[in-house]
Every structure is written in structure tokens, then in C-alpha cells.
Amino acid sequence: MTLYEARKEQEYLVEGLYVEEAVTRRLQALGLNDGTRIRVLNRKKQGALIIQVRGTRLALGRHLSANIEVRECLAEG
């Protein structure tokens, strides 16, 4: 599934970044790498997402979030 399809207050693992090379490098520098656990904090009306990555909040627009593949984290315990 894509990050754009993700639900609020859920945790996901990043599986792939499918955006321009320069944007991919920037997102990786911010900690958004394959296998990274992220949490969707909020969804804005215009399609933007607020996510938490390694303790940092990031805002991603629809174009970016629709091109990031994620999978839902399994419940611990």
C-alpha cells in the first residue's frame, strides 16, 4: 500500500521510495529509509500527511506520500 492510503494513528514500515532521485536522497537523509518504522499522526484536507520518523515530525504532500510504499506493522505482543 502507499503511505497516502495509510490510516491515522497507525504504524507502518517503509518498503520503498519511488520519487525523483534528489527527493529520495533528501528523504533518506531525514531518516525515511527502507525498513524504517513511521507513524501517521494526522491527515490534512488537501491530502498532506504529518508523520513521525525517528522522533521527528515531517509533513509530506500527496505527490510524495502516494509514491512511498509501506506495510502495516504487526501488533506487538
PDB file of N, CA and C in Angstrom:
ATOM      1  N   MET A   1       0.848  -1.178   0.000  1.00  0.00           N
ATOM      2  CA  MET A   1       0.000   0.000   0.000  1.00  0.00           C
ATOM      3  C   MET A   1       0.889   1.234   0.000  1.00  0.00           C
ATOM      4  N   THR A   2       0.320   2.358  -0.365  1.00  0.00           N
ATOM      5  CA  THR A   2       1.101   3.598  -0.340  1.00  0.00           C
ATOM      6  C   THR A   2       0.867   4.329   0.984  1.00  0.00           C
ATOM      7  N   LEU A   3       1.788   5.193   1.308  1.00  0.00           N
ATOM      8  CA  LEU A   3       1.656   5.986   2.526  1.00  0.00           C
ATOM      9  C   LEU A   3       0.409   6.867   2.460  1.00  0.00           C
ATOM     10  N   TYR A   4       0.037   7.302   1.266  1.00  0.00           N
ATOM     11  CA  TYR A   4      -1.159   8.126   1.112  1.00  0.00           C
ATOM     12  C   TYR A   4      -2.420   7.383   1.560  1.00  0.00           C
ATOM     13  N   GLU A   5      -2.437   6.065   1.435  1.00  0.00           N
ATOM     14  CA  GLU A   5      -3.577   5.240   1.824  1.00  0.00           C
ATOM     15  C   GLU A   5      -3.568   4.878   3.314  1.00  0.00           C
ATOM     16  N   ALA A   6      -2.496   5.234   3.999  1.00  0.00           N
ATOM     17  CA  ALA A   6      -2.328   4.863   5.405  1.00  0.00           C
ATOM     18  C   ALA A   6      -3.359   5.561   6.291  1.00  0.00           C
ATOM     19  N   ARG A   7      -3.682   4.900   7.400  1.00  0.00           N
ATOM     20  CA  ARG A   7      -4.657   5.435   8.345  1.00  0.00           C
ATOM     21  C   ARG A   7      -3.951   6.195   9.472  1.00  0.00           C
ATOM     22  N   LYS A   8      -4.646   7.173   9.983  1.00  0.00           N
ATOM     23  CA  LYS A   8      -4.160   7.990  11.097  1.00  0.00           C
ATOM     24  C   LYS A   8      -3.945   7.120  12.338  1.00  0.00           C
ATOM     25  N   GLU A   9      -2.910   7.439  13.099  1.00  0.00           N
ATOM     26  CA  GLU A   9      -2.564   6.765  14.363  1.00  0.00           C
ATOM     27  C   GLU A   9      -2.121   5.312  14.192  1.00  0.00           C
ATOM     28  N   GLN A  10      -1.705   4.931  12.986  1.00  0.00           N
ATOM     29  CA  GLN A  10      -1.197   3.584  12.740  1.00  0.00           C
ATOM     30  C   GLN A  10       0.297   3.660  12.466  1.00  0.00           C
ATOM     31  N   GLU A  11       0.984   2.536  12.719  1.00  0.00           N
ATOM     32  CA  GLU A  11       2.417   2.459  12.442  1.00  0.00           C
ATOM     33  C   GLU A  11       2.652   1.588  11.222  1.00  0.00           C
ATOM     34  N   TYR A  12       3.655   1.982  10.438  1.00  0.00           N
ATOM     35  CA  TYR A  12       3.983   1.306   9.189  1.00  0.00           C
ATOM     36  C   TYR A  12       5.487   1.186   9.046  1.00  0.00           C
ATOM     37  N   LEU A  13       5.913   0.252   8.191  1.00  0.00           N
ATOM     38  CA  LEU A  13       7.312   0.118   7.817  1.00  0.00           C
ATOM     39  C   LEU A  13       7.461   0.567   6.374  1.00  0.00           C
ATOM     40  N   VAL A  14       8.473   1.370   6.115  1.00  0.00           N
ATOM     41  CA  VAL A  14       8.737   1.840   4.757  1.00  0.00           C
ATOM     42  C   VAL A  14       9.298   0.678   3.943  1.00  0.00           C
ATOM     43  N   GLU A  15       8.737   0.461   2.759  1.00  0.00           N
ATOM     44  CA  GLU A  15       9.217  -0.607   1.878  1.00  0.00           C
ATOM     45  C   GLU A  15       9.897  -0.074   0.626  1.00  0.00           C
ATOM     46  N   GLY A  16       9.619   1.158   0.251  1.00  0.00           N
ATOM     47  CA  GLY A  16      10.274   1.713  -0.932  1.00  0.00           C
ATOM     48  C   GLY A  16       9.888   3.150  -1.186  1.00  0.00           C
ATOM     49  N   LEU A  17      10.864   3.902  -1.704  1.00  0.00           N
ATOM     50  CA  LEU A  17      10.644   5.296  -2.086  1.00  0.00           C
ATOM     51  C   LEU A  17      10.705   5.363  -3.611  1.00  0.00           C
ATOM     52  N   TYR A  18       9.623   5.787  -4.245  1.00  0.00           N
ATOM     53  CA  TYR A  18       9.552   5.817  -5.702  1.00  0.00           C
ATOM     54  C   TYR A  18       9.312   7.241  -6.191  1.00  0.00           C
ATOM     55  N   VAL A  19      10.255   8.111  -5.840  1.00  0.00           N
ATOM     56  CA  VAL A  19      10.212   9.513  -6.249  1.00  0.00           C
ATOM     57  C   VAL A  19      11.532   9.846  -6.926  1.00  0.00           C
ATOM     58  N   GLU A  20      11.682  11.080  -7.372  1.00  0.00           N
ATOM     59  CA  GLU A  20      12.899  11.505  -8.040  1.00  0.00           C
ATOM     60  C   GLU A  20      14.117  11.237  -7.150  1.00  0.00           C
ATOM     61  N   GLU A  21      15.265  10.999  -7.782  1.00  0.00           N
ATOM     62  CA  GLU A  21      16.483  10.636  -7.056  1.00  0.00           C
ATOM     63  C   GLU A  21      16.875  11.678  -6.002  1.00  0.00           C
ATOM     64  N   ALA A  22      16.796  12.953  -6.344  1.00  0.00           N
ATOM     65  CA  ALA A  22      17.163  14.003  -5.393  1.00  0.00           C
ATOM     66  C   ALA A  22      16.228  13.998  -4.185  1.00  0.00           C
ATOM     67  N   VAL A  23      14.942  13.777  -4.423  1.00  0.00           N
ATOM     68  CA  VAL A  23      13.963  13.730  -3.334  1.00  0.00           C
ATOM     69  C   VAL A  23      14.196  12.483  -2.485  1.00  0.00           C
ATOM     70  N   THR A  24      14.501  11.371  -3.129  1.00  0.00           N
ATOM     71  CA  THR A  24      14.798  10.140  -2.396  1.00  0.00           C
ATOM     72  C   THR A  24      15.984  10.349  -1.456  1.00  0.00           C
ATOM     73  N   ARG A  25      17.037  10.970  -1.953  1.00  0.00           N
ATOM     74  CA  ARG A  25      18.219  11.223  -1.104  1.00  0.00           C
ATOM     75  C   ARG A  25      17.866  12.128   0.076  1.00  0.00           C
ATOM     76  N   ARG A  26      17.043  13.136  -0.166  1.00  0.00           N
ATOM     77  CA  ARG A  26      16.643  14.058   0.905  1.00  0.00           C
ATOM     78  C   ARG A  26      15.815  13.331   1.957  1.00  0.00           C
ATOM     79  N   LEU A  27      14.855  12.514   1.530  1.00  0.00           N
ATOM     80  CA  LEU A  27      14.030  11.764   2.478  1.00  0.00           C
ATOM     81  C   LEU A  27      14.884  10.778   3.274  1.00  0.00           C
ATOM     82  N   GLN A  28      15.850  10.143   2.614  1.00  0.00           N
ATOM     83  CA  GLN A  28      16.734   9.220   3.317  1.00  0.00           C
ATOM     84  C   GLN A  28      17.589   9.965   4.341  1.00  0.00           C
ATOM     85  N   ALA A  29      18.028  11.169   4.005  1.00  0.00           N
ATOM     86  CA  ALA A  29      18.807  11.976   4.952  1.00  0.00           C
ATOM     87  C   ALA A  29      17.972  12.360   6.171  1.00  0.00           C
ATOM     88  N   LEU A  30      16.656  12.454   5.991  1.00  0.00           N
ATOM     89  CA  LEU A  30      15.750  12.761   7.098  1.00  0.00           C
ATOM     90  C   LEU A  30      15.359  11.508   7.892  1.00  0.00           C
ATOM     91  N   GLY A  31      15.853  10.340   7.463  1.00  0.00           N
ATOM     92  CA  GLY A  31      15.599   9.108   8.198  1.00  0.00           C
ATOM     93  C   GLY A  31      14.541   8.214   7.590  1.00  0.00           C
ATOM     94  N   LEU A  32      14.017   8.560   6.441  1.00  0.00           N
ATOM     95  CA  LEU A  32      12.961   7.775   5.801  1.00  0.00           C
ATOM     96  C   LEU A  32      13.603   6.755   4.862  1.00  0.00           C
ATOM     97  N   ASN A  33      14.099   5.655   5.426  1.00  0.00           N
ATOM     98  CA  ASN A  33      14.776   4.607   4.676  1.00  0.00           C
ATOM     99  C   ASN A  33      13.930   3.341   4.673  1.00  0.00           C
ATOM    100  N   ASP A  34      14.259   2.411   3.774  1.00  0.00           N
ATOM    101  CA  ASP A  34      13.569   1.122   3.758  1.00  0.00           C
ATOM    102  C   ASP A  34      13.709   0.457   5.126  1.00  0.00           C
ATOM    103  N   GLY A  35      12.607  -0.046   5.640  1.00  0.00           N
ATOM    104  CA  GLY A  35      12.609  -0.713   6.938  1.00  0.00           C
ATOM    105  C   GLY A  35      12.391   0.203   8.125  1.00  0.00           C
ATOM    106  N   THR A  36      12.319   1.506   7.900  1.00  0.00           N
ATOM    107  CA  THR A  36      12.106   2.465   8.976  1.00  0.00           C
ATOM    108  C   THR A  36      10.649   2.429   9.428  1.00  0.00           C
ATOM    109  N   ARG A  37      10.449   2.456  10.734  1.00  0.00           N
ATOM    110  CA  ARG A  37       9.096   2.494  11.295  1.00  0.00           C
ATOM    111  C   ARG A  37       8.624   3.947  11.336  1.00  0.00           C
ATOM    112  N   ILE A  38       7.426   4.179  10.820  1.00  0.00           N
ATOM    113  CA  ILE A  38       6.848   5.523  10.844  1.00  0.00           C
ATOM    114  C   ILE A  38       5.443   5.444  11.422  1.00  0.00           C
ATOM    115  N   ARG A  39       4.960   6.567  11.899  1.00  0.00           N
ATOM    116  CA  ARG A  39       3.609   6.656  12.458  1.00  0.00           C
ATOM    117  C   ARG A  39       2.898   7.830  11.808  1.00  0.00           C
ATOM    118  N   VAL A  40       1.682   7.601  11.335  1.00  0.00           N
ATOM    119  CA  VAL A  40       0.877   8.679  10.747  1.00  0.00           C
ATOM    120  C   VAL A  40       0.199   9.416  11.897  1.00  0.00           C
ATOM    121  N   LEU A  41       0.531  10.699  12.049  1.00  0.00           N
ATOM    122  CA  LEU A  41      -0.010  11.494  13.145  1.00  0.00           C
ATOM    123  C   LEU A  41      -1.299  12.213  12.757  1.00  0.00           C
ATOM    124  N   ASN A  42      -1.356  12.708  11.510  1.00  0.00           N
ATOM    125  CA  ASN A  42      -2.523  13.492  11.108  1.00  0.00           C
ATOM    126  C   ASN A  42      -2.641  13.514   9.595  1.00  0.00           C
ATOM    127  N   ARG A  43      -3.855  13.738   9.120  1.00  0.00           N
ATOM    128  CA  ARG A  43      -4.134  13.890   7.697  1.00  0.00           C
ATOM    129  C   ARG A  43      -4.785  15.255   7.504  1.00  0.00           C
ATOM    130  N   LYS A  44      -4.279  16.017   6.572  1.00  0.00           N
ATOM    131  CA  LYS A  44      -4.842  17.336   6.273  1.00  0.00           C
ATOM    132  C   LYS A  44      -5.819  17.232   5.107  1.00  0.00           C
ATOM    133  N   LYS A  45      -6.711  18.206   5.000  1.00  0.00           N
ATOM    134  CA  LYS A  45      -7.759  18.181   3.973  1.00  0.00           C
ATOM    135  C   LYS A  45      -7.206  18.181   2.553  1.00  0.00           C
ATOM    136  N   GLN A  46      -6.104  18.865   2.337  1.00  0.00           N
ATOM    137  CA  GLN A  46      -5.535  18.954   0.992  1.00  0.00           C
ATOM    138  C   GLN A  46      -4.745  17.710   0.595  1.00  0.00           C
ATOM    139  N   GLY A  47      -4.692  16.692   1.459  1.00  0.00           N
ATOM    140  CA  GLY A  47      -4.002  15.455   1.133  1.00  0.00           C
ATOM    141  C   GLY A  47      -2.648  15.298   1.793  1.00  0.00           C
ATOM    142  N   ALA A  48      -2.196  16.317   2.499  1.00  0.00           N
ATOM    143  CA  ALA A  48      -0.901  16.229   3.170  1.00  0.00           C
ATOM    144  C   ALA A  48      -1.000  15.323   4.397  1.00  0.00           C
ATOM    145  N   LEU A  49       0.109  14.674   4.714  1.00  0.00           N
ATOM    146  CA  LEU A  49       0.196  13.825   5.891  1.00  0.00           C
ATOM    147  C   LEU A  49       1.252  14.367   6.832  1.00  0.00           C
ATOM    148  N   ILE A  50       0.999  14.250   8.126  1.00  0.00           N
ATOM    149  CA  ILE A  50       2.006  14.545   9.135  1.00  0.00           C
ATOM    150  C   ILE A  50       2.422  13.182   9.683  1.00  0.00           C
ATOM    151  N   ILE A  51       3.716  12.870   9.560  1.00  0.00           N
ATOM    152  CA  ILE A  51       4.198  11.579  10.037  1.00  0.00           C
ATOM    153  C   ILE A  51       5.302  11.786  11.058  1.00  0.00           C
ATOM    154  N   GLN A  52       5.538  10.757  11.857  1.00  0.00           N
ATOM    155  CA  GLN A  52       6.641  10.788  12.813  1.00  0.00           C
ATOM    156  C   GLN A  52       7.661   9.753  12.363  1.00  0.00           C
ATOM    157  N   VAL A  53       8.900  10.212  12.214  1.00  0.00           N
ATOM    158  CA  VAL A  53      10.003   9.357  11.791  1.00  0.00           C
ATOM    159  C   VAL A  53      11.132   9.542  12.783  1.00  0.00           C
ATOM    160  N   ARG A  54      11.455   8.499  13.526  1.00  0.00           N
ATOM    161  CA  ARG A  54      12.577   8.539  14.474  1.00  0.00           C
ATOM    162  C   ARG A  54      12.533   9.779  15.369  1.00  0.00           C
ATOM    163  N   GLY A  55      11.363  10.084  15.888  1.00  0.00           N
ATOM    164  CA  GLY A  55      11.219  11.193  16.822  1.00  0.00           C
ATOM    165  C   GLY A  55      11.031  12.556  16.185  1.00  0.00           C
ATOM    166  N   THR A  56      11.027  12.630  14.867  1.00  0.00           N
ATOM    167  CA  THR A  56      10.867  13.895  14.160  1.00  0.00           C
ATOM    168  C   THR A  56       9.569  13.890  13.376  1.00  0.00           C
ATOM    169  N   ARG A  57       8.872  15.016  13.377  1.00  0.00           N
ATOM    170  CA  ARG A  57       7.636  15.142  12.596  1.00  0.00           C
ATOM    171  C   ARG A  57       7.959  15.695  11.223  1.00  0.00           C
ATOM    172  N   LEU A  58       7.363  15.080  10.204  1.00  0.00           N
ATOM    173  CA  LEU A  58       7.529  15.536   8.831  1.00  0.00           C
ATOM    174  C   LEU A  58       6.155  15.722   8.200  1.00  0.00           C
ATOM    175  N   ALA A  59       6.041  16.714   7.354  1.00  0.00           N
ATOM    176  CA  ALA A  59       4.823  16.912   6.562  1.00  0.00           C
ATOM    177  C   ALA A  59       5.150  16.523   5.129  1.00  0.00           C
ATOM    178  N   LEU A  60       4.332  15.636   4.571  1.00  0.00           N
ATOM    179  CA  LEU A  60       4.529  15.184   3.196  1.00  0.00           C
ATOM    180  C   LEU A  60       3.268  15.459   2.391  1.00  0.00           C
ATOM    181  N   GLY A  61       3.448  16.002   1.208  1.00  0.00           N
ATOM    182  CA  GLY A  61       2.313  16.258   0.331  1.00  0.00           C
ATOM    183  C   GLY A  61       1.823  14.979  -0.339  1.00  0.00           C
ATOM    184  N   ARG A  62       0.714  15.090  -1.028  1.00  0.00           N
ATOM    185  CA  ARG A  62       0.095  13.947  -1.697  1.00  0.00           C
ATOM    186  C   ARG A  62       1.040  13.301  -2.711  1.00  0.00           C
ATOM    187  N   HIS A  63       1.757  14.118  -3.490  1.00  0.00           N
ATOM    188  CA  HIS A  63       2.667  13.585  -4.506  1.00  0.00           C
ATOM    189  C   HIS A  63       3.718  12.664  -3.888  1.00  0.00           C
ATOM    190  N   LEU A  64       4.288  13.074  -2.766  1.00  0.00           N
ATOM    191  CA  LEU A  64       5.300  12.238  -2.118  1.00  0.00           C
ATOM    192  C   LEU A  64       4.688  11.015  -1.464  1.00  0.00           C
ATOM    193  N   SER A  65       3.639  11.213  -0.682  1.00  0.00           N
ATOM    194  CA  SER A  65       3.072  10.089   0.068  1.00  0.00           C
ATOM    195  C   SER A  65       2.468   9.025  -0.851  1.00  0.00           C
ATOM    196  N   ALA A  66       2.018   9.415  -2.036  1.00  0.00           N
ATOM    197  CA  ALA A  66       1.458   8.446  -2.970  1.00  0.00           C
ATOM    198  C   ALA A  66       2.540   7.605  -3.646  1.00  0.00           C
ATOM    199  N   ASN A  67       3.795   8.005  -3.484  1.00  0.00           N
ATOM    200  CA  ASN A  67       4.908   7.282  -4.106  1.00  0.00           C
ATOM    201  C   ASN A  67       5.849   6.648  -3.089  1.00  0.00           C
ATOM    202  N   ILE A  68       5.367   6.463  -1.872  1.00  0.00           N
ATOM    203  CA  ILE A  68       6.123   5.768  -0.833  1.00  0.00           C
ATOM    204  C   ILE A  68       5.350   4.513  -0.458  1.00  0.00           C
ATOM    205  N   GLU A  69       5.958   3.371  -0.663  1.00  0.00           N
ATOM    206  CA  GLU A  69       5.317   2.088  -0.329  1.00  0.00           C
ATOM    207  C   GLU A  69       5.575   1.751   1.132  1.00  0.00           C
ATOM    208  N   VAL A  70       4.507   1.334   1.818  1.00  0.00           N
ATOM    209  CA  VAL A  70       4.621   0.950   3.232  1.00  0.00           C
ATOM    210  C   VAL A  70       3.823  -0.327   3.464  1.00  0.00           C
ATOM    211  N   ARG A  71       4.098  -0.953   4.583  1.00  0.00           N
ATOM    212  CA  ARG A  71       3.253  -2.063   5.037  1.00  0.00           C
ATOM    213  C   ARG A  71       2.982  -1.856   6.519  1.00  0.00           C
ATOM    214  N   GLU A  72       1.825  -2.308   6.939  1.00  0.00           N
ATOM    215  CA  GLU A  72       1.397  -2.116   8.321  1.00  0.00           C
ATOM    216  C   GLU A  72       2.257  -2.960   9.251  1.00  0.00           C
ATOM    217  N   CYS A  73       2.635  -2.366  10.388  1.00  0.00           N
ATOM    218  CA  CYS A  73       3.382  -3.107  11.405  1.00  0.00           C
ATOM    219  C   CYS A  73       2.445  -4.090  12.095  1.00  0.00           C
ATOM    220  N   LEU A  74       2.936  -5.258  12.370  1.00  0.00           N
ATOM    221  CA  LEU A  74       2.153  -6.221  13.120  1.00  0.00           C
ATOM    222  C   LEU A  74       2.094  -5.805  14.572  1.00  0.00           C
ATOM    223  N   ALA A  75       0.975  -6.100  15.211  1.00  0.00           N
ATOM    224  CA  ALA A  75       0.807  -5.746  16.631  1.00  0.00           C
ATOM    225  C   ALA A  75       1.833  -6.500  17.464  1.00  0.00           C
ATOM    226  N   GLU A  76       2.451  -5.785  18.376  1.00  0.00           N
ATOM    227  CA  GLU A  76       3.448  -6.406  19.258  1.00  0.00           C
ATOM    228  C   GLU A  76       2.749  -7.105  20.404  1.00  0.00           C
ATOM    229  N   GLY A  77       3.327  -8.243  20.765  1.00  0.00           N
ATOM    230  CA  GLY A  77       2.792  -8.939  21.919  1.00  0.00           C
ATOM    231  C   GLY A  77       2.144 -10.202  21.642  1.00  0.00           C
TER     232      GLY A  77
END
